């Protein structure tokens, strides 16, 4: 049996859970501006597969790369790090 390669893992916050078995996760990162040398926040939105519909808005989650599950879903929820209050 083949071993899987290192899959990308990202940490973000759930911003939408309206779909069935799918959540939208926003991942924030800091990038340095090339001219002004100031750090800027950049955001990416990822549709992630949530098999048990266990995630809610505001949850901090770890997502892991996977095979394409639909037109937009290429990520799965790996772990809920912190539940929203």
N, C-alpha and C. Protein backbone atom coordinates (compact mmCIF):
# COMPACT_ATOMS: atom_id res chain seq x y z
N UNK A 1 0.84 -1.19 0.00
CA UNK A 1 0.00 0.00 0.00
C UNK A 1 0.88 1.24 0.00
N UNK A 2 0.54 2.21 -0.84
CA UNK A 2 1.34 3.43 -0.94
C UNK A 2 1.04 4.38 0.22
N UNK A 3 2.08 5.09 0.63
CA UNK A 3 1.89 6.13 1.64
C UNK A 3 1.50 7.42 0.94
N UNK A 4 0.63 8.20 1.57
CA UNK A 4 0.26 9.48 1.01
C UNK A 4 1.35 10.49 1.28
N UNK A 5 1.52 11.43 0.36
CA UNK A 5 2.51 12.49 0.55
C UNK A 5 2.07 13.46 1.62
N UNK A 6 2.91 14.41 1.91
CA UNK A 6 2.57 15.43 2.89
C UNK A 6 1.48 16.31 2.31
N UNK A 7 0.33 16.32 2.95
CA UNK A 7 -0.78 17.13 2.47
C UNK A 7 -0.76 18.47 3.19
N UNK A 8 -1.14 19.51 2.46
CA UNK A 8 -1.16 20.84 3.07
C UNK A 8 -2.21 20.90 4.15
N UNK A 9 -1.87 21.57 5.26
CA UNK A 9 -2.81 21.78 6.35
C UNK A 9 -2.86 23.27 6.63
N UNK A 10 -4.07 23.79 6.77
CA UNK A 10 -4.26 25.21 7.07
C UNK A 10 -5.20 25.35 8.25
N UNK A 11 -5.07 26.45 8.97
CA UNK A 11 -5.94 26.74 10.10
C UNK A 11 -6.74 27.98 9.80
N UNK A 12 -8.04 27.92 10.05
CA UNK A 12 -8.89 29.07 9.76
C UNK A 12 -10.16 29.04 10.60
N UNK A 13 -11.06 29.97 10.28
CA UNK A 13 -12.30 30.14 11.03
C UNK A 13 -13.47 29.88 10.09
N UNK A 14 -14.48 29.14 10.57
CA UNK A 14 -15.67 28.86 9.78
C UNK A 14 -16.52 30.13 9.70
N UNK A 15 -16.84 30.54 8.46
CA UNK A 15 -17.67 31.75 8.29
C UNK A 15 -19.05 31.43 7.74
N UNK A 16 -19.25 30.20 7.25
CA UNK A 16 -20.57 29.81 6.75
C UNK A 16 -20.76 28.31 6.92
N UNK A 17 -21.95 27.93 7.44
CA UNK A 17 -22.27 26.51 7.57
C UNK A 17 -23.66 26.23 7.01
N UNK A 18 -24.09 27.03 6.06
CA UNK A 18 -25.45 26.94 5.53
C UNK A 18 -25.66 25.71 4.64
N UNK A 19 -24.57 25.20 4.04
CA UNK A 19 -24.70 24.06 3.13
C UNK A 19 -24.69 22.74 3.89
N UNK A 20 -25.16 21.68 3.24
CA UNK A 20 -25.16 20.36 3.85
C UNK A 20 -23.79 19.72 3.64
N UNK A 21 -23.14 19.33 4.75
CA UNK A 21 -21.83 18.68 4.75
C UNK A 21 -20.72 19.54 4.16
N UNK A 22 -20.92 20.84 4.12
CA UNK A 22 -19.90 21.75 3.60
C UNK A 22 -19.85 23.00 4.48
N UNK A 23 -18.65 23.47 4.75
CA UNK A 23 -18.46 24.74 5.45
C UNK A 23 -17.49 25.59 4.65
N UNK A 24 -17.59 26.91 4.83
CA UNK A 24 -16.64 27.82 4.21
C UNK A 24 -15.70 28.29 5.30
N UNK A 25 -14.41 28.11 5.07
CA UNK A 25 -13.38 28.45 6.06
C UNK A 25 -12.54 29.59 5.49
N UNK A 26 -12.33 30.63 6.31
CA UNK A 26 -11.48 31.74 5.89
C UNK A 26 -10.13 31.58 6.58
N UNK A 27 -9.06 31.64 5.77
CA UNK A 27 -7.70 31.48 6.27
C UNK A 27 -6.97 32.80 6.08
N UNK A 28 -6.45 33.34 7.16
CA UNK A 28 -5.75 34.62 7.12
C UNK A 28 -4.25 34.40 7.20
N UNK A 29 -3.49 35.20 6.43
CA UNK A 29 -2.03 35.13 6.51
C UNK A 29 -1.48 36.54 6.41
N UNK A 30 -0.26 36.73 6.88
CA UNK A 30 0.40 38.02 6.82
C UNK A 30 1.47 37.99 5.74
N UNK A 31 1.43 38.98 4.85
CA UNK A 31 2.47 39.09 3.82
C UNK A 31 3.11 40.46 3.91
N UNK A 32 4.39 40.51 3.64
CA UNK A 32 5.12 41.76 3.72
C UNK A 32 5.01 42.51 2.40
N UNK A 33 4.63 43.77 2.45
CA UNK A 33 4.53 44.58 1.25
C UNK A 33 5.93 44.81 0.69
N UNK A 34 6.07 44.65 -0.64
CA UNK A 34 7.40 44.70 -1.24
C UNK A 34 8.05 46.07 -1.19
N UNK A 35 7.24 47.13 -1.23
CA UNK A 35 7.81 48.48 -1.22
C UNK A 35 7.80 49.09 0.18
N UNK A 36 6.65 49.00 0.85
CA UNK A 36 6.50 49.67 2.15
C UNK A 36 6.96 48.84 3.34
N UNK A 37 7.27 47.55 3.12
CA UNK A 37 7.76 46.65 4.17
C UNK A 37 6.84 46.59 5.39
N UNK A 38 5.56 46.76 5.12
CA UNK A 38 4.57 46.68 6.18
C UNK A 38 3.79 45.38 5.98
N UNK A 39 3.40 44.74 7.08
CA UNK A 39 2.67 43.48 6.97
C UNK A 39 1.20 43.74 6.69
N UNK A 40 0.66 43.02 5.71
CA UNK A 40 -0.73 43.17 5.27
C UNK A 40 -1.44 41.83 5.48
N UNK A 41 -2.69 41.88 5.90
CA UNK A 41 -3.49 40.67 6.05
C UNK A 41 -4.08 40.27 4.71
N UNK A 42 -3.90 39.03 4.34
CA UNK A 42 -4.50 38.47 3.13
C UNK A 42 -5.40 37.31 3.54
N UNK A 43 -6.55 37.19 2.86
CA UNK A 43 -7.51 36.15 3.22
C UNK A 43 -7.82 35.28 2.03
N UNK A 44 -8.03 34.00 2.31
CA UNK A 44 -8.50 33.06 1.31
C UNK A 44 -9.69 32.30 1.88
N UNK A 45 -10.67 32.02 1.02
CA UNK A 45 -11.85 31.26 1.43
C UNK A 45 -11.76 29.87 0.80
N UNK A 46 -12.00 28.85 1.61
CA UNK A 46 -11.97 27.49 1.13
C UNK A 46 -13.27 26.80 1.51
N UNK A 47 -13.83 26.06 0.56
CA UNK A 47 -14.99 25.20 0.85
C UNK A 47 -14.42 23.87 1.34
N UNK A 48 -14.85 23.45 2.52
CA UNK A 48 -14.30 22.23 3.13
C UNK A 48 -15.43 21.26 3.45
N UNK A 49 -15.12 19.97 3.31
CA UNK A 49 -16.09 18.91 3.57
C UNK A 49 -16.19 18.64 5.06
N UNK A 50 -17.41 18.66 5.57
CA UNK A 50 -17.69 18.42 7.00
C UNK A 50 -18.70 17.29 7.08
N UNK A 51 -18.21 16.07 7.15
CA UNK A 51 -19.05 14.87 7.03
C UNK A 51 -20.21 14.84 8.02
N UNK A 52 -19.96 15.21 9.27
CA UNK A 52 -20.99 15.08 10.31
C UNK A 52 -21.75 16.38 10.59
N UNK A 53 -21.54 17.40 9.80
CA UNK A 53 -22.15 18.72 10.04
C UNK A 53 -21.88 19.19 11.46
N UNK A 54 -20.66 19.00 11.95
CA UNK A 54 -20.33 19.30 13.34
C UNK A 54 -19.80 20.72 13.54
N UNK A 55 -19.39 21.40 12.47
CA UNK A 55 -18.82 22.74 12.59
C UNK A 55 -19.92 23.80 12.59
N UNK A 56 -19.68 24.85 13.35
CA UNK A 56 -20.60 26.00 13.41
C UNK A 56 -19.81 27.27 13.10
N UNK A 57 -20.53 28.35 12.82
CA UNK A 57 -19.88 29.63 12.52
C UNK A 57 -19.05 30.07 13.72
N UNK A 58 -17.81 30.48 13.45
CA UNK A 58 -16.92 30.95 14.51
C UNK A 58 -15.96 29.89 15.03
N UNK A 59 -16.16 28.63 14.66
CA UNK A 59 -15.26 27.56 15.10
C UNK A 59 -13.90 27.72 14.42
N UNK A 60 -12.84 27.48 15.19
CA UNK A 60 -11.49 27.47 14.63
C UNK A 60 -11.18 26.04 14.25
N UNK A 61 -10.83 25.81 12.97
CA UNK A 61 -10.66 24.45 12.46
C UNK A 61 -9.35 24.29 11.70
N UNK A 62 -8.89 23.04 11.61
CA UNK A 62 -7.74 22.71 10.75
C UNK A 62 -8.31 21.97 9.55
N UNK A 63 -7.96 22.44 8.35
CA UNK A 63 -8.40 21.77 7.13
C UNK A 63 -7.20 21.12 6.46
N UNK A 64 -7.46 20.02 5.76
CA UNK A 64 -6.40 19.27 5.11
C UNK A 64 -6.79 19.05 3.65
N UNK A 65 -5.78 19.12 2.80
CA UNK A 65 -5.99 18.96 1.36
C UNK A 65 -6.49 17.55 1.05
N UNK A 66 -7.37 17.44 0.06
CA UNK A 66 -7.86 16.12 -0.35
C UNK A 66 -8.15 16.12 -1.84
N UNK A 67 -8.62 14.99 -2.32
CA UNK A 67 -8.99 14.91 -3.72
C UNK A 67 -10.21 15.79 -3.97
N UNK A 68 -10.50 16.18 -5.21
CA UNK A 68 -11.70 16.97 -5.48
C UNK A 68 -12.96 16.22 -5.09
N UNK A 69 -13.77 16.84 -4.24
CA UNK A 69 -15.02 16.23 -3.78
C UNK A 69 -16.22 16.79 -4.52
N UNK A 70 -16.08 17.99 -5.08
CA UNK A 70 -17.12 18.60 -5.89
C UNK A 70 -16.45 19.68 -6.73
N UNK A 71 -17.25 20.53 -7.34
CA UNK A 71 -16.69 21.59 -8.19
C UNK A 71 -15.76 22.51 -7.41
N UNK A 72 -16.11 22.84 -6.18
CA UNK A 72 -15.32 23.79 -5.40
C UNK A 72 -14.59 23.18 -4.19
N UNK A 73 -15.00 21.98 -3.76
CA UNK A 73 -14.42 21.40 -2.54
C UNK A 73 -13.18 20.57 -2.82
N UNK A 74 -12.05 21.03 -2.26
CA UNK A 74 -10.80 20.28 -2.34
C UNK A 74 -10.15 20.13 -0.96
N UNK A 75 -10.90 20.40 0.09
CA UNK A 75 -10.40 20.35 1.46
C UNK A 75 -11.38 19.59 2.34
N UNK A 76 -10.88 19.01 3.43
CA UNK A 76 -11.70 18.33 4.43
C UNK A 76 -11.39 18.93 5.79
N UNK A 77 -12.38 18.90 6.67
CA UNK A 77 -12.15 19.31 8.06
C UNK A 77 -11.36 18.19 8.73
N UNK A 78 -10.20 18.53 9.26
CA UNK A 78 -9.36 17.53 9.93
C UNK A 78 -9.64 17.52 11.42
N UNK A 79 -9.79 18.71 12.03
CA UNK A 79 -9.94 18.81 13.47
C UNK A 79 -10.59 20.13 13.83
N UNK A 80 -11.48 20.11 14.80
CA UNK A 80 -12.03 21.35 15.35
C UNK A 80 -11.13 21.72 16.51
N UNK A 81 -10.40 22.81 16.35
CA UNK A 81 -9.42 23.23 17.36
C UNK A 81 -10.12 23.90 18.53
N UNK A 82 -11.07 24.80 18.20
CA UNK A 82 -11.73 25.58 19.24
C UNK A 82 -13.18 25.83 18.82
N UNK A 83 -14.11 25.53 19.70
CA UNK A 83 -15.52 25.76 19.42
C UNK A 83 -15.89 27.23 19.68
N UNK A 84 -16.83 27.75 18.90
CA UNK A 84 -17.30 29.12 19.11
C UNK A 84 -18.13 29.20 20.39
N UNK A 85 -18.09 30.33 21.04
CA UNK A 85 -18.83 30.50 22.30
C UNK A 85 -20.28 30.85 22.00
